[in-house]
Amino acid sequence: PQPVTMPDVVTWLQEVAPQEFGFPDNFMRVLATGLLEDDMATVLPIAASVAYASADIRSETTQQALEDMQARLAATKNLLSNTTNDTREADEEKVRFNLDKLAREATEMKHLMVSGADALRRGKATVHALCLELAASQADLDAADDALEKTKEFQKFSAITWEGLGDIPGWTGEEAFAIMHIMREYFDDLRNIYRHYALGGSMNGSEMQALSRDCKIPDKNINMGHIDVIFAGCCHSTRASGANNFLRRNEFIEALLRMAVVKWTKTSKKPSECFEKLVVEHLLPFAKQSTTEEFHNLLHRPEVQMIFAEFDHEINLVFKHFAAGDVKTAQAAANRNSINLTEFEMLLKDCGALGGGRLNKGELPRILGNVQSDDDGKEVSFVEFLELLCACSVYYEPNPYMPAAKRLENFFVRTVIEGLCEGGKSKVQGLKPIHPSRWKGGATKLKSQAKTTHFGKLRTSLFTLKMRNAAADFSNAEGIE
């Protein structure tokens, strides 16, 4: 019998509507407050923001739902205005009719919001699936990269002049296929053994003697004199050029084969059987091997890659400056796209990293040889220069408990950059000290997702470069599986 007042409306919104229509209490409380204060500017933006946050606007269905919701919100505003005026006039029947209609509109708005939330969940599931697919694709690219690198190296090891082995007792064409099969079976070990002993990228006589002693090869049938003669006879490429004798990868395999035949010359074994016996009984148990593959896996960690992404501008400046540093010969002066041993030593001297019991001059040929992919071991490309920085950081800070990313960052920022910019005058044009906001004592802070995206472009370009080089070499390979 009494007219409906504004407090009655507020009470209905706060107590009855949440239970009957399932709306959150805080949402209805906002509507009630807006009605009480006659403040539509408070009600509508909040309701719209809730609807917008719950919907995936990229979906055509949800876009239409939002447009419908906006139209209903406009109608709701008129209803709320009419309800306020009618309440003031104490028109009870009209107020109840408008409240019922408002409740129906609220129910439809709830359904639209639920539909938007479902669309958002589906969108998130799709994005998650795409992320998993992208991760799998990246793993496939890494595997393809490793396979191409391995094929490229196997080609170098197997590029033996087979027709030049006719002086070996019992040699036939079938023996060449048997040797190739043995090489494939033990390729990883043979490659790592060669990498360890060939400090400069190619193996000299002293390194071959060290390998022979470590593997206990000399006996009554073969002594160090025999080994020296075999070594000199297998240095085909350097002997033809008049340079010092060095064994390249394929010549290293030939030397092992000839040593094995001499060692078991009094037996009736075939050359391939002698070669496999040498590998299995002497090289695998006793030879030292390089851990290059483990180190490469370390470089692929995301935290290490982020260091390259954060400081790629400074790394490029340093590389370009020192790649043009060696002008002693015309050939060195013309080669401005790679760094040789002289330029590497210049970099470490200029930043103050050389000496002091950490990085010694005698270790530089080994470091350069390990990261260099060609036989001559004289030049490193930009991609190999990144690995070179990581290798130097291990020598400079050998603490095994320090994370690789922190070790790399400390070496590049505190040693290389600060050393080259010491005294306020940079030794490299355009290079400036790293601002403290870009690093925190070994914990680089990437400022936005753009940094990660930028690194993705960097890594893609590096992979593309490797793929082109490997594909060019692979296109020239013959008889490779």
Protein backbone atom coordinates (compact mmCIF):
# COMPACT_ATOMS: atom_id res chain seq x y z
CA PRO A 1 0.00 0.00 0.00
CA GLN A 2 3.02 2.31 0.44
CA PRO A 3 4.81 3.83 -2.60
CA VAL A 4 8.21 2.30 -3.53
CA THR A 5 11.04 4.58 -2.42
CA MET A 6 14.65 4.77 -3.54
CA PRO A 7 15.89 2.88 -0.41
CA ASP A 8 13.54 0.04 -1.41
CA VAL A 9 15.20 -0.13 -4.85
CA VAL A 10 18.66 -0.09 -3.32
CA THR A 11 17.73 -2.87 -0.88
CA TRP A 12 16.34 -4.99 -3.74
CA LEU A 13 19.55 -4.57 -5.77
CA GLN A 14 21.80 -5.41 -2.83
CA GLU A 15 19.89 -8.34 -1.32
CA VAL A 16 17.50 -9.90 -3.83
CA ALA A 17 19.16 -9.46 -7.25
CA PRO A 18 22.48 -11.22 -6.42
CA GLN A 19 20.64 -14.33 -5.25
CA GLU A 20 18.04 -14.45 -8.04
CA PHE A 21 20.27 -13.53 -10.99
CA GLY A 22 23.75 -14.63 -9.83
CA PHE A 23 25.44 -11.26 -10.23
CA PRO A 24 28.46 -10.50 -7.99
CA ASP A 25 27.60 -8.47 -4.89
CA ASN A 26 30.10 -5.73 -5.73
CA PHE A 27 28.59 -5.29 -9.21
CA MET A 28 25.08 -4.85 -7.83
CA ARG A 29 26.42 -2.59 -5.08
CA VAL A 30 27.80 -0.25 -7.75
CA LEU A 31 24.43 -0.18 -9.50
CA ALA A 32 22.66 0.53 -6.20
CA THR A 33 25.06 3.35 -5.35
CA GLY A 34 24.60 4.88 -8.78
CA LEU A 35 20.82 4.78 -8.41
CA LEU A 36 20.97 6.26 -4.96
CA GLU A 37 23.15 9.14 -6.13
CA ASP A 38 21.44 9.42 -9.51
CA ASP A 39 24.92 9.02 -11.05
CA MET A 40 24.69 7.15 -14.36
CA ALA A 41 28.30 8.17 -15.17
CA THR A 42 29.44 5.83 -12.38
CA VAL A 43 27.26 2.84 -13.27
CA LEU A 44 27.73 2.53 -17.01
CA PRO A 45 31.54 2.76 -17.37
CA ILE A 46 32.07 0.14 -14.66
CA ALA A 47 29.56 -2.22 -16.19
CA ALA A 48 31.09 -1.73 -19.62
CA SER A 49 34.62 -2.28 -18.34
CA VAL A 50 33.58 -5.58 -16.70
CA ALA A 51 31.99 -6.73 -19.92
CA TYR A 52 35.00 -5.64 -22.02
CA ALA A 53 37.50 -7.44 -19.74
CA SER A 54 35.48 -10.64 -19.93
CA ALA A 55 35.25 -10.77 -23.72
CA ASP A 56 37.67 -11.54 -26.54
CA ILE A 57 37.14 -8.55 -28.87
CA ARG A 58 39.12 -10.32 -31.61
CA SER A 59 36.21 -12.78 -32.09
CA GLU A 60 33.45 -11.70 -34.48
CA THR A 61 30.84 -13.39 -32.28
CA THR A 62 32.05 -11.63 -29.17
CA GLN A 63 32.26 -8.31 -31.05
CA GLN A 64 28.58 -8.63 -31.91
CA ALA A 65 27.86 -9.55 -28.29
CA LEU A 66 29.59 -6.37 -27.14
CA GLU A 67 27.58 -4.26 -29.57
CA ASP A 68 24.37 -5.85 -28.27
CA MET A 69 25.53 -5.26 -24.72
CA GLN A 70 26.18 -1.57 -25.44
CA ALA A 71 22.68 -1.21 -26.90
CA ARG A 72 21.21 -2.90 -23.83
CA LEU A 73 23.24 -0.67 -21.54
CA ALA A 74 21.76 2.39 -23.29
CA ALA A 75 18.28 0.96 -22.83
CA THR A 76 19.11 0.18 -19.22
CA LYS A 77 20.16 3.80 -18.68
CA ASN A 78 16.76 4.96 -19.89
CA LEU A 79 15.06 2.41 -17.64
CA LEU A 80 17.07 3.58 -14.65
CA SER A 81 16.23 7.22 -15.42
CA ASN A 82 12.54 6.39 -15.80
CA THR A 83 12.61 4.34 -12.61
CA THR A 84 14.12 7.25 -10.70
CA ASN A 85 11.50 9.68 -12.00
CA ASP A 86 8.65 7.23 -11.40
CA THR A 87 9.84 6.62 -7.85
CA ARG A 88 9.73 10.32 -7.17
CA GLU A 89 6.14 10.32 -8.46
CA ALA A 90 5.31 7.29 -6.28
CA ASP A 91 3.92 5.32 -9.24
CA GLU A 92 4.25 1.86 -7.68
CA GLU A 93 3.05 -0.25 -10.63
CA LYS A 94 5.31 1.47 -13.14
CA VAL A 95 8.31 1.13 -10.83
CA ARG A 96 7.77 -2.61 -10.39
CA PHE A 97 7.36 -3.07 -14.16
CA ASN A 98 10.63 -1.23 -14.82
CA LEU A 99 12.44 -3.19 -12.11
CA ASP A 100 11.30 -6.49 -13.67
CA LYS A 101 12.45 -5.34 -17.07
CA LEU A 102 15.75 -4.20 -15.58
CA ALA A 103 16.21 -7.65 -14.03
CA ARG A 104 15.62 -9.31 -17.40
CA GLU A 105 18.13 -7.00 -19.03
CA ALA A 106 20.63 -7.86 -16.28
CA THR A 107 20.10 -11.58 -16.92
CA GLU A 108 20.75 -11.14 -20.65
CA MET A 109 23.85 -9.06 -19.90
CA LYS A 110 25.10 -11.87 -17.65
CA HIS A 111 24.64 -14.39 -20.46
CA LEU A 112 26.56 -12.12 -22.83
CA MET A 113 29.40 -11.80 -20.30
CA VAL A 114 29.53 -15.58 -19.85
CA SER A 115 29.68 -15.99 -23.63
CA GLY A 116 32.55 -13.50 -23.77
CA ALA A 117 34.41 -15.34 -21.00
CA ASP A 118 34.04 -18.63 -22.91
CA ALA A 119 35.44 -17.00 -26.04
CA LEU A 120 38.36 -15.66 -24.03
CA ARG A 121 39.10 -19.13 -22.61
CA ARG A 122 39.05 -20.60 -26.10
CA GLY A 123 41.40 -17.85 -27.28
CA LYS A 124 43.81 -18.56 -24.43
CA ALA A 125 43.76 -22.28 -25.25
CA THR A 126 44.53 -21.49 -28.89
CA VAL A 127 47.42 -19.21 -27.92
CA HIS A 128 48.79 -21.88 -25.58
CA ALA A 129 48.65 -24.47 -28.35
CA LEU A 130 50.44 -22.08 -30.71
CA CYS A 131 53.16 -21.49 -28.10
CA LEU A 132 53.71 -25.23 -27.75
CA GLU A 133 53.86 -25.57 -31.53
CA LEU A 134 56.36 -22.70 -31.73
CA ALA A 135 58.56 -24.30 -29.06
CA ALA A 136 58.50 -27.60 -30.94
CA SER A 137 59.39 -25.81 -34.18
CA GLN A 138 62.31 -24.07 -32.48
CA ALA A 139 63.53 -27.44 -31.18
CA ASP A 140 63.28 -28.83 -34.71
CA LEU A 141 65.28 -25.88 -36.04
CA ASP A 142 67.97 -26.44 -33.41
CA ALA A 143 68.10 -30.14 -34.26
CA ALA A 144 68.36 -29.33 -37.98
CA ASP A 145 71.11 -26.83 -37.23
CA ASP A 146 73.07 -29.43 -35.27
CA ALA A 147 72.54 -32.05 -37.99
CA LEU A 148 73.81 -29.70 -40.68
CA GLU A 149 76.87 -28.78 -38.61
CA LYS A 150 77.59 -32.47 -38.01
CA THR A 151 77.19 -33.28 -41.72
CA LYS A 152 79.51 -30.43 -42.60
CA GLU A 153 82.18 -31.69 -40.21
CA PHE A 154 81.80 -35.31 -41.30
CA GLN A 155 82.40 -34.20 -44.87
CA LYS A 156 85.74 -32.67 -43.81
CA PHE A 157 86.81 -35.79 -41.93
CA SER A 158 85.82 -38.13 -44.77
CA ALA A 159 87.33 -36.11 -47.64
CA ILE A 160 90.16 -38.65 -47.96
CA THR A 161 92.01 -39.23 -51.22
CA TRP A 162 91.17 -42.91 -51.34
CA GLU A 163 93.17 -43.60 -54.48
CA GLY A 164 96.30 -42.49 -52.61
CA LEU A 165 95.97 -45.40 -50.17
CA GLY A 166 96.82 -48.11 -52.68
CA ASP A 167 100.24 -48.68 -51.06
CA ILE A 168 98.57 -50.03 -47.89
CA PRO A 169 98.78 -53.86 -47.78
CA GLY A 170 95.41 -55.48 -48.42
CA TRP A 171 93.75 -52.25 -49.57
CA THR A 172 90.66 -52.62 -51.78
CA GLY A 173 87.67 -50.49 -52.70
CA GLU A 174 85.57 -52.36 -50.13
CA GLU A 175 87.96 -51.22 -47.40
CA ALA A 176 87.08 -47.58 -48.15
CA PHE A 177 83.38 -48.30 -47.47
CA ALA A 178 84.32 -50.18 -44.28
CA ILE A 179 86.42 -47.21 -43.05
CA MET A 180 83.52 -44.82 -43.76
CA HIS A 181 81.18 -47.05 -41.76
CA ILE A 182 83.58 -47.08 -38.78
CA MET A 183 83.95 -43.29 -38.98
CA ARG A 184 80.18 -42.83 -38.84
CA GLU A 185 79.89 -45.13 -35.84
CA TYR A 186 82.60 -43.35 -33.82
CA PHE A 187 82.39 -39.90 -35.43
CA ASP A 188 81.54 -37.92 -32.28
CA ASP A 189 84.52 -39.38 -30.42
CA LEU A 190 86.95 -38.90 -33.33
CA ARG A 191 85.81 -35.31 -33.77
CA ASN A 192 86.17 -34.47 -30.07
CA ILE A 193 89.60 -36.12 -29.90
CA TYR A 194 90.81 -34.09 -32.86
CA ARG A 195 89.39 -30.88 -31.37
CA HIS A 196 91.21 -31.44 -28.09
CA TYR A 197 94.68 -32.13 -29.51
CA ALA A 198 94.54 -29.74 -32.52
CA LEU A 199 95.01 -26.52 -30.56
CA GLY A 200 95.22 -24.21 -33.56
CA GLY A 201 92.47 -25.87 -35.60
CA SER A 202 94.97 -28.23 -37.29
CA MET A 203 97.22 -30.86 -35.69
CA ASN A 204 101.01 -30.43 -35.69
CA GLY A 205 103.70 -33.04 -35.03
CA SER A 206 103.99 -32.37 -31.30
CA GLU A 207 100.24 -32.73 -30.86
CA MET A 208 100.26 -36.02 -32.79
CA GLN A 209 103.04 -37.31 -30.51
CA ALA A 210 101.05 -36.27 -27.44
CA LEU A 211 98.00 -38.14 -28.74
CA SER A 212 100.12 -41.25 -29.46
CA ARG A 213 101.64 -41.24 -25.96
CA ASP A 214 98.29 -40.66 -24.22
CA CYS A 215 96.72 -43.54 -26.17
CA LYS A 216 99.66 -45.94 -25.58
CA ILE A 217 100.10 -46.55 -29.32
CA PRO A 218 103.91 -47.07 -29.50
CA ASP A 219 105.06 -50.69 -29.06
CA LYS A 220 107.61 -53.08 -30.56
CA ASN A 221 105.99 -52.74 -34.01
CA ILE A 222 105.63 -48.95 -34.12
CA ASN A 223 107.71 -46.32 -32.33
CA MET A 224 107.67 -42.52 -32.25
CA GLY A 225 109.99 -42.43 -35.28
CA HIS A 226 107.44 -44.37 -37.33
CA ILE A 227 104.71 -42.05 -36.15
CA ASP A 228 106.69 -38.95 -37.19
CA VAL A 229 107.27 -40.41 -40.66
CA ILE A 230 103.55 -41.24 -41.04
CA PHE A 231 102.63 -37.75 -39.83
CA ALA A 232 104.89 -36.06 -42.38
CA GLY A 233 103.64 -38.29 -45.19
CA CYS A 234 99.99 -37.46 -44.51
CA CYS A 235 100.41 -33.64 -44.49
CA HIS A 236 99.43 -33.37 -48.16
CA SER A 237 97.89 -29.87 -48.17
CA THR A 238 100.58 -28.05 -46.15
CA ARG A 239 103.42 -29.87 -47.92
CA ALA A 240 102.07 -28.74 -51.29
CA SER A 241 101.96 -25.10 -50.15
CA GLY A 242 105.41 -25.19 -48.52
CA ALA A 243 103.99 -24.28 -45.09
CA ASN A 244 104.70 -25.99 -41.77
CA ASN A 245 103.32 -29.51 -41.53
CA PHE A 246 99.80 -29.73 -40.11
CA LEU A 247 97.20 -32.47 -40.32
CA ARG A 248 93.75 -31.42 -41.41
CA ARG A 249 90.74 -33.49 -40.40
CA ASN A 250 90.78 -35.90 -43.35
CA GLU A 251 94.57 -36.27 -43.14
CA PHE A 252 94.22 -37.07 -39.43
CA ILE A 253 92.02 -40.09 -40.31
CA GLU A 254 94.54 -41.24 -42.93
CA ALA A 255 97.37 -40.99 -40.36
CA LEU A 256 95.40 -43.08 -37.84
CA LEU A 257 94.72 -45.70 -40.53
CA ARG A 258 98.40 -45.97 -41.51
CA MET A 259 99.49 -46.13 -37.86
CA ALA A 260 96.99 -48.95 -37.24
CA VAL A 261 98.24 -50.95 -40.25
CA VAL A 262 101.89 -50.61 -39.13
CA LYS A 263 101.00 -51.54 -35.54
CA TRP A 264 99.31 -54.79 -36.59
CA THR A 265 101.33 -55.41 -39.75
CA LYS A 266 102.27 -58.95 -38.68
CA THR A 267 98.65 -60.02 -38.36
CA SER A 268 96.29 -61.05 -41.12
CA LYS A 269 93.80 -58.31 -40.27
CA LYS A 270 92.30 -56.12 -42.97
CA PRO A 271 93.14 -52.36 -42.89
CA SER A 272 89.61 -51.52 -41.72
CA GLU A 273 89.87 -54.06 -38.89
CA CYS A 274 93.21 -52.56 -37.79
CA PHE A 275 91.66 -49.07 -37.87
CA GLU A 276 88.67 -50.11 -35.72
CA LYS A 277 90.97 -51.92 -33.27
CA LEU A 278 93.06 -48.75 -32.87
CA VAL A 279 89.95 -46.66 -32.24
CA VAL A 280 88.28 -49.07 -29.81
CA GLU A 281 91.31 -50.29 -27.84
CA HIS A 282 93.47 -47.15 -27.76
CA LEU A 283 91.68 -43.92 -28.72
CA LEU A 284 88.35 -44.33 -26.91
CA PRO A 285 89.79 -45.53 -23.55
CA PHE A 286 92.79 -43.20 -23.30
CA ALA A 287 92.46 -40.13 -25.57
CA LYS A 288 91.35 -36.81 -24.14
CA GLN A 289 88.26 -35.33 -25.74
CA SER A 290 86.94 -31.82 -26.19
CA THR A 291 83.66 -30.91 -24.45
CA THR A 292 82.65 -28.49 -27.19
CA GLU A 293 79.14 -29.96 -27.52
CA GLU A 294 78.39 -29.48 -23.82
CA PHE A 295 79.61 -25.90 -24.06
CA HIS A 296 77.38 -25.28 -27.09
CA ASN A 297 74.38 -26.55 -25.11
CA LEU A 298 75.27 -24.04 -22.42
CA LEU A 299 75.20 -21.22 -24.99
CA HIS A 300 71.64 -22.15 -26.01
CA ARG A 301 70.21 -21.42 -22.57
CA PRO A 302 67.68 -18.57 -22.63
CA GLU A 303 69.45 -16.55 -19.93
CA VAL A 304 72.70 -16.60 -21.94
CA GLN A 305 70.89 -15.68 -25.15
CA MET A 306 69.28 -12.72 -23.38
CA ILE A 307 72.73 -11.31 -22.61
CA PHE A 308 73.53 -11.34 -26.35
CA ALA A 309 70.17 -9.65 -27.05
CA GLU A 310 70.68 -6.96 -24.40
CA PHE A 311 74.19 -5.97 -25.49
CA ASP A 312 74.10 -6.81 -29.22
CA HIS A 313 74.83 -3.18 -30.21
CA GLU A 314 77.99 -3.04 -28.10
CA ILE A 315 79.09 -6.51 -29.24
CA ASN A 316 78.78 -5.44 -32.89
CA LEU A 317 80.83 -2.29 -32.28
CA VAL A 318 83.62 -4.26 -30.60
CA PHE A 319 83.64 -6.95 -33.30
CA LYS A 320 83.76 -4.50 -36.23
CA HIS A 321 86.49 -2.41 -34.60
CA PHE A 322 88.89 -5.28 -33.91
CA ALA A 323 88.06 -7.17 -37.14
CA ALA A 324 89.80 -4.27 -38.89
CA GLY A 325 92.67 -4.08 -36.39
CA ASP A 326 95.29 -6.27 -38.09
CA VAL A 327 96.94 -4.38 -40.97
CA LYS A 328 100.33 -6.16 -40.96
CA THR A 329 99.57 -7.93 -44.24
CA ALA A 330 97.41 -7.00 -47.22
CA GLN A 331 95.27 -10.11 -46.74
CA ALA A 332 94.64 -9.33 -43.05
CA ALA A 333 93.88 -5.68 -43.79
CA ALA A 334 91.34 -6.67 -46.47
CA ASN A 335 89.52 -9.13 -44.18
CA ARG A 336 87.21 -6.97 -42.06
CA ASN A 337 84.45 -9.53 -41.43
CA SER A 338 86.33 -11.85 -39.06
CA ILE A 339 88.84 -11.76 -36.20
CA ASN A 340 92.20 -13.55 -36.25
CA LEU A 341 94.56 -14.43 -33.41
CA THR A 342 96.40 -11.09 -33.59
CA GLU A 343 93.15 -9.10 -33.40
CA PHE A 344 91.87 -11.34 -30.60
CA GLU A 345 95.02 -10.61 -28.61
CA MET A 346 94.65 -6.86 -29.33
CA LEU A 347 91.09 -6.91 -27.90
CA LEU A 348 92.12 -8.63 -24.68
CA LYS A 349 95.14 -6.34 -24.23
CA ASP A 350 93.15 -3.14 -24.83
CA CYS A 351 90.51 -4.06 -22.23
CA GLY A 352 93.10 -5.33 -19.73
CA ALA A 353 91.88 -8.93 -19.67
CA LEU A 354 95.12 -10.56 -20.81
CA GLY A 355 97.52 -11.79 -18.14
CA GLY A 356 97.15 -11.59 -14.40
CA GLY A 357 96.88 -15.36 -14.03
CA ARG A 358 93.45 -15.54 -15.69
CA LEU A 359 93.72 -15.31 -19.47
CA ASN A 360 97.25 -16.15 -20.60
CA LYS A 361 98.63 -15.58 -24.09
CA GLY A 362 99.49 -19.27 -24.45
CA GLU A 363 95.82 -20.26 -24.10
CA LEU A 364 94.60 -18.02 -26.93
CA PRO A 365 95.35 -20.43 -29.83
CA ARG A 366 93.44 -23.22 -28.06
CA ILE A 367 90.43 -20.98 -27.36
CA LEU A 368 90.39 -19.65 -30.91
CA GLY A 369 90.83 -23.15 -32.36
CA ASN A 370 87.94 -24.59 -30.35
CA VAL A 371 85.40 -21.99 -31.54
CA GLN A 372 86.68 -21.87 -35.13
CA SER A 373 84.94 -24.24 -37.55
CA ASP A 374 87.51 -24.33 -40.38
CA ASP A 375 90.74 -26.29 -40.56
CA ASP A 376 93.14 -23.36 -40.64
CA GLY A 377 91.96 -21.97 -37.29
CA LYS A 378 92.94 -18.44 -38.32
CA GLU A 379 89.67 -16.47 -38.44
CA VAL A 380 86.41 -16.42 -36.48
CA SER A 381 83.14 -15.04 -37.82
CA PHE A 382 80.68 -12.92 -35.83
CA VAL A 383 78.67 -15.99 -34.79
CA GLU A 384 81.87 -17.64 -33.55
CA PHE A 385 82.86 -14.39 -31.82
CA LEU A 386 79.81 -14.73 -29.56
CA GLU A 387 81.05 -18.16 -28.51
CA LEU A 388 84.54 -16.69 -28.09
CA LEU A 389 83.23 -14.19 -25.52
CA CYS A 390 81.57 -16.98 -23.55
CA ALA A 391 84.75 -19.08 -23.61
CA CYS A 392 86.84 -16.14 -22.38
CA SER A 393 84.38 -15.53 -19.54
CA VAL A 394 84.95 -19.11 -18.32
CA TYR A 395 88.72 -18.64 -18.33
CA TYR A 396 88.42 -15.21 -16.69
CA GLU A 397 85.98 -16.30 -13.98
CA PRO A 398 86.43 -20.06 -13.39
CA ASN A 399 84.09 -20.17 -10.38
CA PRO A 400 81.94 -23.29 -11.11
CA TYR A 401 79.10 -22.05 -8.89
CA MET A 402 78.57 -18.82 -10.84
CA PRO A 403 75.78 -19.07 -13.47
CA ALA A 404 76.96 -18.88 -17.06
CA ALA A 405 74.83 -15.81 -17.84
CA LYS A 406 76.17 -13.86 -14.87
CA ARG A 407 79.74 -14.88 -15.73
CA LEU A 408 79.31 -13.73 -19.34
CA GLU A 409 77.69 -10.45 -18.35
CA ASN A 410 80.35 -9.64 -15.77
CA PHE A 411 83.14 -10.35 -18.25
CA PHE A 412 81.63 -8.31 -21.09
CA VAL A 413 80.39 -5.35 -19.04
CA ARG A 414 82.97 -5.05 -16.26
CA THR A 415 86.04 -6.24 -18.15
CA VAL A 416 85.58 -5.64 -21.88
CA ILE A 417 83.34 -2.54 -21.98
CA GLU A 418 84.72 -0.79 -18.88
CA GLY A 419 88.27 -1.66 -19.94
CA LEU A 420 87.79 -0.20 -23.41
CA CYS A 421 86.11 2.92 -21.97
CA GLU A 422 88.54 3.42 -19.09
CA GLY A 423 89.41 7.03 -18.28
CA GLY A 424 86.32 8.41 -20.02
CA LYS A 425 87.83 7.93 -23.50
CA SER A 426 86.60 5.00 -25.55
CA LYS A 427 89.08 3.01 -27.64
CA VAL A 428 86.20 1.90 -29.89
CA GLN A 429 84.28 4.51 -31.86
CA GLY A 430 80.68 4.82 -30.68
CA LEU A 431 81.17 2.59 -27.64
CA LYS A 432 79.94 3.98 -24.33
CA PRO A 433 79.96 2.61 -20.76
CA ILE A 434 76.94 0.49 -19.88
CA HIS A 435 74.42 2.44 -17.81
CA PRO A 436 73.69 0.78 -14.44
CA SER A 437 69.98 0.60 -15.28
CA ARG A 438 70.75 -2.00 -17.98
CA TRP A 439 72.38 -4.46 -15.63
CA LYS A 440 72.43 -5.22 -11.89
CA GLY A 441 75.74 -6.85 -11.08
CA GLY A 442 75.18 -9.94 -13.16
CA ALA A 443 71.37 -10.03 -13.36
CA THR A 444 70.35 -8.29 -16.56
CA LYS A 445 66.87 -6.78 -16.49
CA LEU A 446 65.10 -6.88 -19.83
CA LYS A 447 62.86 -3.85 -19.89
CA SER A 448 60.09 -5.16 -22.13
CA GLN A 449 58.97 -8.07 -24.25
CA ALA A 450 60.48 -6.19 -27.20
CA LYS A 451 63.93 -7.28 -25.98
CA THR A 452 62.98 -10.93 -26.25
CA THR A 453 61.44 -10.32 -29.67
CA HIS A 454 64.60 -8.53 -30.75
CA PHE A 455 66.68 -11.51 -29.70
CA GLY A 456 64.38 -13.79 -31.64
CA LYS A 457 65.25 -11.78 -34.76
CA LEU A 458 68.93 -11.94 -33.86
CA ARG A 459 68.89 -15.70 -33.38
CA THR A 460 66.85 -16.20 -36.56
CA SER A 461 69.45 -14.22 -38.53
CA LEU A 462 72.27 -16.27 -37.02
CA PHE A 463 70.45 -19.52 -37.83
CA THR A 464 69.81 -18.31 -41.38
CA LEU A 465 73.50 -17.52 -41.81
CA LYS A 466 74.50 -20.97 -40.55
CA MET A 467 71.87 -22.63 -42.76
CA ARG A 468 73.14 -20.86 -45.88
CA ASN A 469 76.76 -21.82 -45.22
CA ALA A 470 75.90 -25.42 -44.38
CA ALA A 471 73.58 -25.73 -47.37
CA ALA A 472 76.30 -24.41 -49.69
CA ASP A 473 78.74 -26.98 -48.36
CA PHE A 474 76.14 -29.75 -48.40
CA SER A 475 75.29 -29.05 -52.04
CA ASN A 476 78.91 -29.84 -52.94
CA ALA A 477 79.06 -33.04 -50.86
CA GLU A 478 79.03 -36.39 -52.63
CA GLY A 479 78.39 -39.81 -51.16
CA ILE A 480 77.15 -38.42 -47.82
CA GLU A 481 74.06 -39.96 -46.24
